[in-house]
Amino acid sequence: MELFSVEWFGALLSIILLDLVLAGDNALVIGMAARNLKKEEQKKVIFWGTFGAVAIRAVATIFVVQLLNIPGLMVVGGLLLLWIALKLMLEDKGHEEVKAASTLMGAIRTIIIADAAMGIDNVIAVAGAANHDNMLVIIGLLISVPIVVWGSTLVIKLIDRFPVVITIGAAILAFTASKMFVGEAFLKPYFENPVAKYSFEAAVVVLVVATGLLIKRSRAAKKAAQTAETAHKRAN
């Protein structure tokens, strides 16, 4: 991928969007972990907690990028991304309660550990979108993680107010997965025709988004039926 090309900037934008969509809940970890500290200490926690989270996530993502060079693992990574895309659309994100720390180092440690545990899907998605470019990984994380941290509840409110953001995020994940499939060495001969390549990528995106929306609609209908049945029983 040529540096600063249209494709390069497109991949960078995808990484930033994926980071914001997938890491939105991580922003709340900082507030929860540092809520018992003094205000002047909270600023230090935000800075060092963010620094540690960025460093660990960057190293983990670069490691995964290198793993994807192994034959066949692009397909495995793509399948995993499709699962993450569906999970993103279907799960109702609850904000896990994070134990508040009473010391500066305790809060920083809590933030870094929680971010590492919650960011696995993010690492895999960014590695796929980076297309073996470590510089893109670093730049994307340096831009997006601070936005998530200092944007905090703003990111969450945006997603809550505009649910379509989640669907867009899932579509980007599905597109990234499709790019991983067509980029796999032993599958490339099947996608040398541009029509076949772009048709496949579009089909993957449509299939994932349509499946997610259908399952959500089915769940909503089932929940409404159960609520109506419960109300009917109580009325009688």
Protein backbone atom coordinates (compact mmCIF):
# COMPACT_ATOMS: atom_id res chain seq x y z
CA MET A 1 0.00 0.00 0.00
CA GLU A 2 1.55 3.30 -1.13
CA LEU A 3 2.11 5.85 1.63
CA PHE A 4 -0.44 8.71 1.67
CA SER A 5 -2.35 7.27 -1.29
CA VAL A 6 -6.16 7.28 -1.47
CA GLU A 7 -6.14 3.62 -0.41
CA TRP A 8 -3.83 4.46 2.53
CA PHE A 9 -6.06 7.27 3.78
CA GLY A 10 -9.12 5.04 3.29
CA ALA A 11 -7.55 2.35 5.47
CA LEU A 12 -6.62 4.97 8.10
CA LEU A 13 -10.21 6.27 8.18
CA SER A 14 -11.49 2.70 8.57
CA ILE A 15 -9.12 2.11 11.51
CA ILE A 16 -10.22 5.31 13.26
CA LEU A 17 -13.94 4.52 12.76
CA LEU A 18 -13.44 0.94 13.98
CA ASP A 19 -11.56 2.18 17.05
CA LEU A 20 -14.32 4.64 17.91
CA VAL A 21 -17.16 2.16 17.41
CA LEU A 22 -15.50 -0.81 19.13
CA ALA A 23 -13.72 1.06 21.92
CA GLY A 24 -16.53 3.38 22.98
CA ASP A 25 -17.17 1.54 26.24
CA ASN A 26 -13.49 1.61 27.17
CA ALA A 27 -13.73 5.36 27.74
CA LEU A 28 -16.03 4.76 30.70
CA VAL A 29 -13.40 2.55 32.36
CA ILE A 30 -11.28 5.62 33.11
CA GLY A 31 -14.09 7.47 34.84
CA MET A 32 -15.03 4.42 36.90
CA ALA A 33 -11.46 3.57 37.93
CA ALA A 34 -10.51 7.12 38.88
CA ARG A 35 -13.74 8.33 40.45
CA ASN A 36 -12.44 8.11 44.05
CA LEU A 37 -9.26 10.09 43.37
CA LYS A 38 -8.65 13.81 43.76
CA LYS A 39 -9.16 15.93 40.64
CA GLU A 40 -5.46 16.69 40.19
CA GLU A 41 -4.68 12.96 40.39
CA GLN A 42 -7.44 12.12 37.91
CA LYS A 43 -5.62 14.13 35.20
CA LYS A 44 -2.48 12.05 35.76
CA VAL A 45 -4.54 8.85 35.63
CA ILE A 46 -6.13 9.89 32.32
CA PHE A 47 -2.72 10.63 30.78
CA TRP A 48 -0.78 7.57 32.00
CA GLY A 49 -3.75 5.23 31.66
CA THR A 50 -4.20 6.33 28.05
CA PHE A 51 -0.45 6.06 27.36
CA GLY A 52 -0.35 2.51 28.74
CA ALA A 53 -3.49 1.46 26.85
CA VAL A 54 -2.17 2.84 23.55
CA ALA A 55 1.23 1.18 23.99
CA ILE A 56 -0.18 -2.25 24.82
CA ARG A 57 -2.81 -2.12 22.07
CA ALA A 58 -0.26 -0.98 19.47
CA VAL A 59 2.13 -3.84 20.31
CA ALA A 60 -0.72 -6.38 20.32
CA THR A 61 -2.06 -5.15 16.96
CA ILE A 62 1.37 -5.20 15.30
CA PHE A 63 1.84 -8.76 16.59
CA VAL A 64 -1.50 -9.79 15.06
CA VAL A 65 -0.59 -8.02 11.78
CA GLN A 66 2.54 -10.18 11.57
CA LEU A 67 0.54 -13.33 12.37
CA LEU A 68 -1.76 -12.60 9.43
CA ASN A 69 1.21 -13.13 7.10
CA ILE A 70 0.99 -16.86 7.85
CA PRO A 71 -0.83 -18.68 4.98
CA GLY A 72 -4.49 -19.31 5.77
CA LEU A 73 -4.71 -17.00 8.78
CA MET A 74 -6.20 -14.18 6.70
CA VAL A 75 -9.26 -16.40 6.20
CA VAL A 76 -9.40 -17.26 9.90
CA GLY A 77 -9.08 -13.58 10.80
CA GLY A 78 -11.79 -12.69 8.29
CA LEU A 79 -14.21 -15.24 9.72
CA LEU A 80 -13.49 -13.93 13.22
CA LEU A 81 -14.22 -10.39 12.04
CA LEU A 82 -17.57 -11.49 10.60
CA TRP A 83 -18.47 -12.93 14.01
CA ILE A 84 -17.38 -9.69 15.71
CA ALA A 85 -19.49 -7.67 13.23
CA LEU A 86 -22.61 -9.69 14.06
CA LYS A 87 -21.85 -9.54 17.78
CA LEU A 88 -21.51 -5.77 17.54
CA MET A 89 -24.97 -5.48 15.95
CA LEU A 90 -26.73 -7.95 18.23
CA GLU A 91 -25.44 -7.44 21.72
CA ASP A 92 -26.88 -4.87 24.08
CA LYS A 93 -23.77 -3.34 25.54
CA GLY A 94 -23.90 -3.02 29.27
CA HIS A 95 -21.20 -1.01 30.94
CA GLU A 96 -19.42 -3.37 33.30
CA GLU A 97 -18.83 -1.97 36.76
CA VAL A 98 -15.14 -1.34 37.27
CA LYS A 99 -13.84 -1.27 40.81
CA ALA A 100 -12.75 2.23 41.78
CA ALA A 101 -9.11 2.47 42.86
CA SER A 102 -7.97 4.41 45.92
CA THR A 103 -4.43 5.11 44.67
CA LEU A 104 -2.94 6.70 41.54
CA MET A 105 -1.02 3.58 40.47
CA GLY A 106 -3.99 1.37 41.28
CA ALA A 107 -6.26 3.39 38.97
CA ILE A 108 -3.69 3.36 36.14
CA ARG A 109 -3.27 -0.41 36.52
CA THR A 110 -7.04 -0.93 36.47
CA ILE A 111 -7.43 1.14 33.28
CA ILE A 112 -4.64 -0.68 31.41
CA ILE A 113 -5.81 -4.17 32.43
CA ALA A 114 -9.47 -3.40 31.64
CA ASP A 115 -8.57 -1.87 28.26
CA ALA A 116 -6.44 -4.90 27.33
CA ALA A 117 -9.27 -7.29 28.25
CA MET A 118 -11.97 -5.30 26.45
CA GLY A 119 -9.91 -4.50 23.33
CA ILE A 120 -9.37 -7.95 21.80
CA ASP A 121 -11.98 -7.46 19.06
CA ASN A 122 -10.57 -4.00 18.37
CA VAL A 123 -7.04 -5.37 17.89
CA ILE A 124 -8.17 -7.99 15.36
CA ALA A 125 -10.30 -5.49 13.42
CA VAL A 126 -7.53 -2.88 13.21
CA ALA A 127 -4.97 -5.51 12.18
CA GLY A 128 -7.23 -6.54 9.29
CA ALA A 129 -7.90 -2.97 8.15
CA ALA A 130 -4.19 -2.06 8.31
CA ASN A 131 -3.37 -4.54 5.52
CA HIS A 132 0.11 -5.36 6.94
CA ASP A 133 1.01 -1.67 7.43
CA ASN A 134 2.38 -1.12 10.96
CA MET A 135 2.54 2.66 10.50
CA LEU A 136 -1.21 2.74 9.90
CA VAL A 137 -1.74 0.82 13.15
CA ILE A 138 0.28 3.31 15.19
CA ILE A 139 -1.19 6.44 13.55
CA GLY A 140 -4.75 5.12 13.82
CA LEU A 141 -4.36 4.32 17.51
CA LEU A 142 -2.61 7.60 18.32
CA ILE A 143 -5.53 9.50 16.77
CA SER A 144 -8.50 7.44 17.93
CA VAL A 145 -7.65 6.27 21.46
CA PRO A 146 -7.19 9.80 22.89
CA ILE A 147 -10.46 10.80 21.19
CA VAL A 148 -12.20 7.91 22.92
CA VAL A 149 -10.59 8.69 26.27
CA TRP A 150 -11.23 12.42 26.35
CA GLY A 151 -14.47 12.14 24.36
CA SER A 152 -15.60 9.55 26.89
CA THR A 153 -19.38 9.69 27.29
CA LEU A 154 -19.72 11.74 24.08
CA VAL A 155 -18.89 8.64 22.03
CA ILE A 156 -21.39 6.55 23.98
CA LYS A 157 -24.12 9.20 23.65
CA LEU A 158 -23.48 9.42 19.91
CA ILE A 159 -23.94 5.66 19.52
CA ASP A 160 -27.03 5.66 21.77
CA ARG A 161 -28.61 8.57 19.89
CA PHE A 162 -27.75 7.30 16.42
CA PRO A 163 -27.94 3.47 16.45
CA VAL A 164 -27.06 3.50 12.74
CA VAL A 165 -23.45 4.14 13.84
CA ILE A 166 -23.33 0.53 15.07
CA THR A 167 -24.66 -0.74 11.73
CA ILE A 168 -22.05 1.33 9.88
CA GLY A 169 -19.36 -0.09 12.15
CA ALA A 170 -20.55 -3.64 11.45
CA ALA A 171 -20.53 -2.92 7.71
CA ILE A 172 -16.93 -1.66 7.93
CA LEU A 173 -15.96 -4.82 9.82
CA ALA A 174 -17.64 -7.01 7.20
CA PHE A 175 -15.89 -5.09 4.40
CA THR A 176 -12.55 -5.49 6.19
CA ALA A 177 -13.22 -9.24 6.51
CA SER A 178 -14.04 -9.48 2.79
CA LYS A 179 -10.75 -7.71 1.95
CA MET A 180 -8.91 -10.27 4.08
CA PHE A 181 -10.59 -13.12 2.17
CA VAL A 182 -9.69 -11.77 -1.28
CA GLY A 183 -6.20 -10.91 -0.07
CA GLU A 184 -5.43 -14.48 1.01
CA ALA A 185 -2.76 -15.92 -1.32
CA PHE A 186 -4.50 -19.20 -2.19
CA LEU A 187 -7.82 -17.39 -2.90
CA LYS A 188 -6.41 -14.55 -5.02
CA PRO A 189 -6.75 -16.45 -8.35
CA TYR A 190 -10.53 -16.58 -7.83
CA PHE A 191 -10.75 -12.78 -7.49
CA GLU A 192 -8.49 -11.59 -10.30
CA ASN A 193 -11.59 -10.43 -12.14
CA PRO A 194 -12.54 -7.01 -10.63
CA VAL A 195 -16.25 -7.78 -11.04
CA ALA A 196 -15.91 -11.01 -9.04
CA LYS A 197 -13.81 -9.25 -6.39
CA TYR A 198 -16.11 -6.27 -5.82
CA SER A 199 -19.28 -8.38 -6.08
CA PHE A 200 -17.96 -10.73 -3.41
CA GLU A 201 -16.99 -7.86 -1.08
CA ALA A 202 -20.41 -6.22 -1.51
CA ALA A 203 -22.19 -9.55 -0.96
CA VAL A 204 -20.33 -10.15 2.32
CA VAL A 205 -21.26 -6.70 3.64
CA VAL A 206 -24.92 -7.05 2.63
CA LEU A 207 -25.15 -10.58 4.06
CA VAL A 208 -23.74 -9.60 7.46
CA VAL A 209 -25.80 -6.42 7.85
CA ALA A 210 -29.01 -8.10 6.60
CA THR A 211 -28.48 -11.08 8.92
CA GLY A 212 -27.90 -8.80 11.89
CA LEU A 213 -30.98 -6.70 11.16
CA LEU A 214 -33.19 -9.78 10.65
CA ILE A 215 -32.03 -11.36 13.93
CA LYS A 216 -32.58 -8.07 15.77
CA ARG A 217 -36.08 -7.75 14.28
CA SER A 218 -36.87 -11.35 15.24
CA ARG A 219 -35.66 -10.79 18.79
CA ALA A 220 -37.66 -7.57 19.10
CA ALA A 221 -40.83 -9.31 17.86
CA LYS A 222 -40.29 -12.19 20.29
CA LYS A 223 -39.72 -9.79 23.17
CA ALA A 224 -42.85 -7.82 22.28
CA ALA A 225 -44.89 -11.03 22.15
CA GLN A 226 -43.58 -12.11 25.57
CA THR A 227 -44.36 -8.68 27.02
CA ALA A 228 -47.89 -8.79 25.60
CA GLU A 229 -48.40 -12.32 26.95
CA THR A 230 -47.20 -11.30 30.41
CA ALA A 231 -49.49 -8.25 30.41
CA HIS A 232 -52.42 -10.44 29.33
CA LYS A 233 -51.80 -12.93 32.15
CA ARG A 234 -51.60 -10.15 34.71
CA ALA A 235 -54.83 -8.62 33.41
CA ASN A 236 -56.62 -11.95 33.88
